[in-house]
């Protein structure tokens, strides 16, 4: 049985100026910054199972997986959300800026496996759906999946009380109206606490530095994959020195910015992984940083005299033991 612990920091007091009713949001946002890799063939699931941090062999038709793709040193080269569209086909969604290098690297290891990988981004349109835009038939559990007349749906972890999902449909099909501002979707992504690796932060993290073991992104019982020994050692030897946390700032934040602790102006203690404007004021971000830096002292972005960060609560608990 897994044991749980609460967030690695004590969030700052709630700021009434940041109160925003996310449950009132609804609509679709076009996700043009995402791409799709298609894996086809009798060995497609087994091949991906041996490359990614999640189990794709036992992946059911009604499920999706969050997974990391790691280097031999356990550092994340990409994040994927994947699901089966049939017995011999899997779709993998990732940041478009990482699709080409991830596809090239994965393809190098296909060798004799009966699997073919290709860039299928042009074949699909991707949307983020919020609130009443989700079909009633879509199961409530995160990473559940539904095949519907209007496309393929994947339930995502909610954010600020708002239900969220991905919608994937053929690009040749009639496209729905995209009524939700992309910035609002990006803010909900930040508030969900689930970060997808993008180009500015490639090879910066082992999966646990993004809390992937706590949000369904790592299966510690599956077989080998690149970097598995490093990932497992980090978990079981208690060597987790960095975690992901959500922060608010009054000025613009960007992915890849370094974070500094008041006690050390020379060495950064963290890095911004995802960022988006808050609907009312300022910006918010997921930051991966040293757990020792979450001691209540000042944290700033860009340098010791940079923008101050205010810690917010994670929407989930962190797994302490697997």
Protein backbone atom coordinates (compact mmCIF):
# COMPACT_ATOMS: atom_id res chain seq x y z
CA UNK A 1 0.00 0.00 0.00
CA UNK A 2 1.25 3.49 -0.82
CA UNK A 3 1.86 6.01 1.92
CA UNK A 4 1.20 9.66 1.28
CA UNK A 5 2.57 12.94 2.50
CA UNK A 6 1.30 16.42 1.92
CA UNK A 7 2.94 19.07 -0.25
CA UNK A 8 6.63 19.71 0.26
CA UNK A 9 6.03 23.32 1.24
CA UNK A 10 3.70 25.39 3.35
CA UNK A 11 1.88 27.62 0.84
CA UNK A 12 1.64 31.30 1.52
CA UNK A 13 -1.62 32.70 2.83
CA UNK A 14 -4.39 32.93 0.24
CA UNK A 15 -4.37 36.16 -1.72
CA UNK A 16 -7.96 37.41 -2.23
CA UNK A 17 -6.83 39.36 -5.29
CA UNK A 18 -6.16 36.02 -7.02
CA UNK A 19 -9.61 34.52 -6.42
CA UNK A 20 -10.98 33.41 -9.77
CA UNK A 21 -13.91 31.04 -10.31
CA UNK A 22 -12.43 28.48 -12.69
CA UNK A 23 -15.55 26.32 -12.36
CA UNK A 24 -17.38 28.84 -14.55
CA UNK A 25 -15.00 28.22 -17.45
CA UNK A 26 -16.14 26.13 -20.37
CA UNK A 27 -15.26 25.69 -24.02
CA UNK A 28 -12.44 24.41 -26.20
CA UNK A 29 -8.95 25.80 -26.76
CA UNK A 30 -7.00 24.79 -29.87
CA UNK A 31 -3.67 23.20 -28.89
CA UNK A 32 -1.49 24.13 -31.84
CA UNK A 33 1.67 23.80 -29.75
CA UNK A 34 1.09 20.05 -29.35
CA UNK A 35 2.00 17.33 -31.84
CA UNK A 36 1.19 13.66 -32.39
CA UNK A 37 3.45 10.65 -32.91
CA UNK A 38 1.78 7.53 -34.30
CA UNK A 39 3.21 4.11 -33.40
CA UNK A 40 1.90 1.25 -35.55
CA UNK A 41 2.59 -2.46 -35.73
CA UNK A 42 2.27 -5.71 -33.84
CA UNK A 43 5.11 -4.68 -31.48
CA UNK A 44 4.14 -1.02 -31.05
CA UNK A 45 2.92 -1.38 -27.46
CA UNK A 46 5.82 -3.61 -26.42
CA UNK A 47 8.33 -1.24 -28.00
CA UNK A 48 6.96 1.83 -26.20
CA UNK A 49 6.72 -0.19 -23.00
CA UNK A 50 10.49 -0.66 -23.17
CA UNK A 51 11.19 3.02 -23.85
CA UNK A 52 8.86 5.01 -21.59
CA UNK A 53 8.24 5.26 -17.85
CA UNK A 54 4.71 3.85 -18.04
CA UNK A 55 3.13 0.48 -18.88
CA UNK A 56 1.89 0.35 -22.47
CA UNK A 57 1.59 -3.43 -22.75
CA UNK A 58 -1.31 -3.56 -20.30
CA UNK A 59 -2.83 -0.30 -21.54
CA UNK A 60 -6.58 -0.79 -21.95
CA UNK A 61 -8.75 0.76 -24.66
CA UNK A 62 -10.46 2.93 -22.05
CA UNK A 63 -7.23 4.30 -20.61
CA UNK A 64 -4.51 6.80 -21.41
CA UNK A 65 -1.04 7.12 -19.91
CA UNK A 66 1.14 10.03 -18.86
CA UNK A 67 4.74 8.96 -19.46
CA UNK A 68 8.25 10.31 -19.51
CA UNK A 69 10.91 9.53 -22.10
CA UNK A 70 14.31 9.55 -20.42
CA UNK A 71 17.97 9.48 -21.35
CA UNK A 72 20.24 6.77 -19.99
CA UNK A 73 20.94 9.13 -17.09
CA UNK A 74 17.26 9.27 -16.22
CA UNK A 75 16.80 12.84 -17.47
CA UNK A 76 13.56 13.59 -19.29
CA UNK A 77 13.80 14.12 -23.04
CA UNK A 78 10.03 14.49 -23.46
CA UNK A 79 6.64 13.94 -21.84
CA UNK A 80 3.88 12.00 -23.58
CA UNK A 81 0.18 11.37 -23.14
CA UNK A 82 -0.53 8.13 -24.99
CA UNK A 83 -3.40 5.76 -25.71
CA UNK A 84 -4.34 2.90 -27.98
CA UNK A 85 -6.58 3.59 -30.95
CA UNK A 86 -6.59 -0.10 -31.87
CA UNK A 87 -4.75 -3.37 -31.17
CA UNK A 88 -1.71 -2.24 -33.18
CA UNK A 89 -1.76 1.56 -32.98
CA UNK A 90 -0.85 4.04 -30.24
CA UNK A 91 -0.95 7.83 -30.38
CA UNK A 92 1.53 9.87 -28.34
CA UNK A 93 0.92 13.56 -27.69
CA UNK A 94 3.79 15.86 -26.77
CA UNK A 95 5.01 19.43 -27.09
CA UNK A 96 5.49 20.12 -30.79
CA UNK A 97 8.95 21.63 -30.21
CA UNK A 98 10.17 18.22 -28.97
CA UNK A 99 8.38 15.98 -31.42
CA UNK A 100 11.08 15.79 -34.10
CA UNK A 101 14.02 14.97 -31.78
CA UNK A 102 11.93 12.55 -29.71
CA UNK A 103 10.67 10.78 -32.83
CA UNK A 104 14.18 10.55 -34.26
CA UNK A 105 15.60 9.11 -31.06
CA UNK A 106 12.78 6.61 -30.53
CA UNK A 107 13.06 5.45 -34.15
CA UNK A 108 16.75 4.66 -33.64
CA UNK A 109 15.81 1.88 -31.22
CA UNK A 110 13.02 0.19 -33.18
CA UNK A 111 15.56 -2.16 -34.83
CA UNK A 112 13.79 -5.48 -35.52
CA UNK A 113 10.59 -4.67 -33.67
CA UNK A 114 7.45 -4.75 -35.77
CA UNK A 115 6.72 -1.11 -35.15
CA UNK A 116 6.74 2.04 -37.25
CA UNK A 117 6.79 5.53 -35.79
CA UNK A 118 5.74 8.64 -37.69
CA UNK A 119 4.78 12.28 -37.21
CA UNK A 120 0.98 12.26 -37.43
CA UNK A 121 0.43 15.87 -36.35
CA UNK A 122 -1.08 16.86 -39.69
CA UNK A 123 -3.69 14.11 -39.37
CA UNK A 124 -5.22 15.36 -36.13
CA UNK A 125 -6.57 18.48 -34.49
CA UNK A 126 -6.06 18.76 -30.73
CA UNK A 127 -8.17 20.71 -28.26
CA UNK A 128 -8.22 21.32 -24.54
CA UNK A 129 -11.76 21.09 -23.17
CA UNK A 130 -13.05 22.59 -19.93
CA UNK A 131 -16.24 22.31 -17.88
CA UNK A 132 -19.52 21.57 -19.63
CA UNK A 133 -17.67 20.96 -22.90
CA UNK A 134 -16.71 17.48 -21.68
CA UNK A 135 -19.07 14.64 -22.65
CA UNK A 136 -21.11 13.21 -19.78
CA UNK A 137 -20.00 9.69 -20.76
CA UNK A 138 -16.32 10.44 -20.11
CA UNK A 139 -15.31 8.69 -16.84
CA UNK A 140 -14.30 11.02 -14.02
CA UNK A 141 -10.97 9.36 -13.19
CA UNK A 142 -7.87 11.12 -14.61
CA UNK A 143 -6.36 9.38 -17.64
CA UNK A 144 -9.68 7.73 -18.54
CA UNK A 145 -10.54 7.67 -22.24
CA UNK A 146 -13.65 7.70 -24.40
CA UNK A 147 -14.23 7.11 -28.11
CA UNK A 148 -17.14 9.32 -29.13
CA UNK A 149 -18.74 10.46 -32.36
CA UNK A 150 -16.98 13.82 -32.11
CA UNK A 151 -13.51 12.38 -31.45
CA UNK A 152 -11.25 10.72 -28.90
CA UNK A 153 -11.38 12.10 -25.36
CA UNK A 154 -8.83 11.81 -22.54
CA UNK A 155 -9.74 12.97 -19.04
CA UNK A 156 -6.99 15.08 -17.47
CA UNK A 157 -6.49 15.94 -13.81
CA UNK A 158 -8.80 18.80 -12.89
CA UNK A 159 -7.64 22.27 -11.91
CA UNK A 160 -9.24 24.68 -9.45
CA UNK A 161 -12.45 22.64 -9.52
CA UNK A 162 -12.70 22.76 -13.32
CA UNK A 163 -13.00 19.49 -15.24
CA UNK A 164 -10.47 19.16 -18.08
CA UNK A 165 -9.92 16.84 -21.01
CA UNK A 166 -8.08 16.48 -24.30
CA UNK A 167 -10.05 16.11 -27.53
CA UNK A 168 -8.32 14.54 -30.53
CA UNK A 169 -10.16 14.38 -33.83
CA UNK A 170 -9.20 13.95 -37.49
CA UNK A 171 -8.03 17.18 -39.07
CA UNK A 172 -10.29 16.44 -42.05
CA UNK A 173 -13.39 16.42 -39.84
CA UNK A 174 -15.55 19.45 -39.13
CA UNK A 175 -13.79 21.45 -36.42
CA UNK A 176 -15.58 22.74 -33.32
CA UNK A 177 -15.48 26.38 -32.30
CA UNK A 178 -12.48 27.18 -30.12
CA UNK A 179 -14.08 29.57 -27.65
CA UNK A 180 -11.63 29.24 -24.76
CA UNK A 181 -8.58 31.51 -24.79
CA UNK A 182 -5.37 29.46 -24.98
CA UNK A 183 -3.94 31.49 -22.08
CA UNK A 184 -6.77 30.28 -19.82
CA UNK A 185 -6.05 26.68 -20.78
CA UNK A 186 -2.36 27.19 -20.07
CA UNK A 187 -3.19 28.66 -16.66
CA UNK A 188 -5.33 25.62 -15.84
CA UNK A 189 -2.41 23.41 -16.88
CA UNK A 190 -0.21 25.22 -14.38
CA UNK A 191 -2.83 24.98 -11.62
CA UNK A 192 -3.20 21.24 -12.29
CA UNK A 193 0.40 20.81 -11.15
CA UNK A 194 1.14 18.43 -14.05
CA UNK A 195 3.98 19.73 -16.22
CA UNK A 196 4.82 18.56 -19.73
CA UNK A 197 8.49 18.88 -20.71
CA UNK A 198 9.23 21.42 -23.43
CA UNK A 199 12.39 22.29 -25.36
CA UNK A 200 13.79 24.88 -22.89
CA UNK A 201 14.01 22.29 -20.09
CA UNK A 202 15.05 19.11 -21.90
CA UNK A 203 17.25 16.83 -19.75
CA UNK A 204 16.82 19.04 -16.67
CA UNK A 205 14.79 16.57 -14.60
CA UNK A 206 14.33 13.00 -13.56
CA UNK A 207 10.55 12.32 -13.53
CA UNK A 208 10.16 12.73 -9.76
CA UNK A 209 11.47 16.30 -10.01
CA UNK A 210 8.15 17.00 -11.77
CA UNK A 211 6.17 14.85 -9.30
CA UNK A 212 5.47 12.29 -12.05
CA UNK A 213 5.36 9.41 -9.60
CA UNK A 214 2.45 11.17 -7.86
CA UNK A 215 0.37 12.06 -10.94
CA UNK A 216 0.44 8.72 -12.77
CA UNK A 217 3.55 9.23 -14.88
CA UNK A 218 5.80 6.42 -13.60
CA UNK A 219 5.19 2.70 -13.12
CA UNK A 220 7.85 1.27 -10.79
CA UNK A 221 6.73 -2.32 -11.38
CA UNK A 222 7.25 -2.46 -15.14
CA UNK A 223 10.33 -3.70 -16.97
CA UNK A 224 13.41 -1.83 -18.06
CA UNK A 225 13.50 1.42 -20.00
CA UNK A 226 16.26 3.98 -20.57
CA UNK A 227 17.18 5.60 -17.27
CA UNK A 228 15.12 3.19 -15.16
CA UNK A 229 17.90 2.46 -12.67
CA UNK A 230 18.39 6.16 -11.98
CA UNK A 231 14.65 6.77 -11.61
CA UNK A 232 14.21 3.78 -9.27
CA UNK A 233 17.28 4.66 -7.21
CA UNK A 234 16.02 8.21 -6.74
CA UNK A 235 12.75 6.84 -5.41
CA UNK A 236 13.84 4.00 -3.18
CA UNK A 237 16.99 5.51 -1.71
CA UNK A 238 15.27 8.69 -0.66
CA UNK A 239 17.42 10.77 -2.98
CA UNK A 240 14.64 13.12 -4.10
CA UNK A 241 16.21 16.55 -3.67
CA UNK A 242 13.90 18.42 -6.04
CA UNK A 243 10.13 18.63 -6.38
CA UNK A 244 7.63 20.61 -8.43
CA UNK A 245 5.63 23.38 -6.78
CA UNK A 246 3.20 26.04 -8.04
CA UNK A 247 4.03 29.72 -7.59
CA UNK A 248 2.53 33.13 -8.30
CA UNK A 249 4.47 36.22 -9.39
CA UNK A 250 3.46 39.77 -10.21
CA UNK A 251 5.50 39.90 -13.43
CA UNK A 252 5.81 37.71 -16.50
CA UNK A 253 7.46 34.31 -16.13
CA UNK A 254 8.87 32.07 -18.85
CA UNK A 255 9.89 28.44 -19.15
CA UNK A 256 13.58 27.90 -18.44
CA UNK A 257 14.04 30.85 -16.08
CA UNK A 258 16.19 30.11 -13.05
CA UNK A 259 14.96 30.53 -9.48
CA UNK A 260 17.16 31.77 -6.62
CA UNK A 261 16.97 31.45 -2.83
CA UNK A 262 17.70 34.41 -0.56
CA UNK A 263 20.54 32.54 1.13
CA UNK A 264 22.48 31.86 -2.09
CA UNK A 265 22.67 34.53 -4.76
CA UNK A 266 25.18 32.59 -6.85
CA UNK A 267 23.57 29.21 -7.44
CA UNK A 268 20.01 28.73 -8.75
CA UNK A 269 17.83 26.41 -6.69
CA UNK A 270 15.17 25.77 -9.31
CA UNK A 271 13.85 26.29 -12.81
CA UNK A 272 10.49 27.29 -14.32
CA UNK A 273 8.88 24.33 -16.11
CA UNK A 274 5.53 25.82 -17.19
CA UNK A 275 4.14 29.35 -16.99
CA UNK A 276 0.96 31.23 -17.85
CA UNK A 277 -0.73 34.54 -17.02
CA UNK A 278 -3.21 34.50 -14.15
CA UNK A 279 -6.72 35.47 -15.36
CA UNK A 280 -6.83 38.47 -13.01
CA UNK A 281 -3.25 39.61 -12.39
CA UNK A 282 0.34 38.46 -12.56
CA UNK A 283 1.69 35.12 -13.71
CA UNK A 284 1.83 31.60 -12.32
CA UNK A 285 4.27 28.77 -12.88
CA UNK A 286 5.23 25.24 -12.05
CA UNK A 287 8.77 25.35 -10.70
CA UNK A 288 11.02 22.37 -10.04
CA UNK A 289 13.27 23.31 -7.16
CA UNK A 290 15.33 21.98 -4.29
CA UNK A 291 13.15 20.90 -1.39
CA UNK A 292 15.57 22.64 0.98
CA UNK A 293 14.65 25.96 -0.65
CA UNK A 294 11.05 25.67 0.54
CA UNK A 295 11.87 27.02 3.98
CA UNK A 296 9.82 30.20 3.93
CA UNK A 297 12.64 32.50 2.83
CA UNK A 298 12.42 34.64 -0.29
CA UNK A 299 12.53 33.01 -3.72
CA UNK A 300 13.08 35.10 -6.84
CA UNK A 301 13.18 34.49 -10.59
CA UNK A 302 16.08 35.52 -12.80
CA UNK A 303 18.44 36.50 -9.99
CA UNK A 304 18.57 37.53 -6.33
CA UNK A 305 16.94 40.87 -7.20
CA UNK A 306 14.39 39.33 -9.55
CA UNK A 307 10.65 38.85 -9.37
CA UNK A 308 9.43 37.46 -6.03
CA UNK A 309 7.56 34.14 -5.95
CA UNK A 310 4.61 33.27 -3.73
CA UNK A 311 4.09 29.54 -3.10
CA UNK A 312 0.65 28.07 -3.82
CA UNK A 313 -0.76 24.71 -2.78
CA UNK A 314 -0.40 21.67 -4.99
CA UNK A 315 -3.78 20.12 -5.91
CA UNK A 316 -2.57 16.62 -5.04
CA UNK A 317 -0.53 14.83 -2.41
CA UNK A 318 2.97 13.55 -3.09
CA UNK A 319 3.66 9.85 -2.93
CA UNK A 320 6.23 9.19 -0.25
CA UNK A 321 6.49 5.41 -0.69
CA UNK A 322 5.56 3.34 -3.74
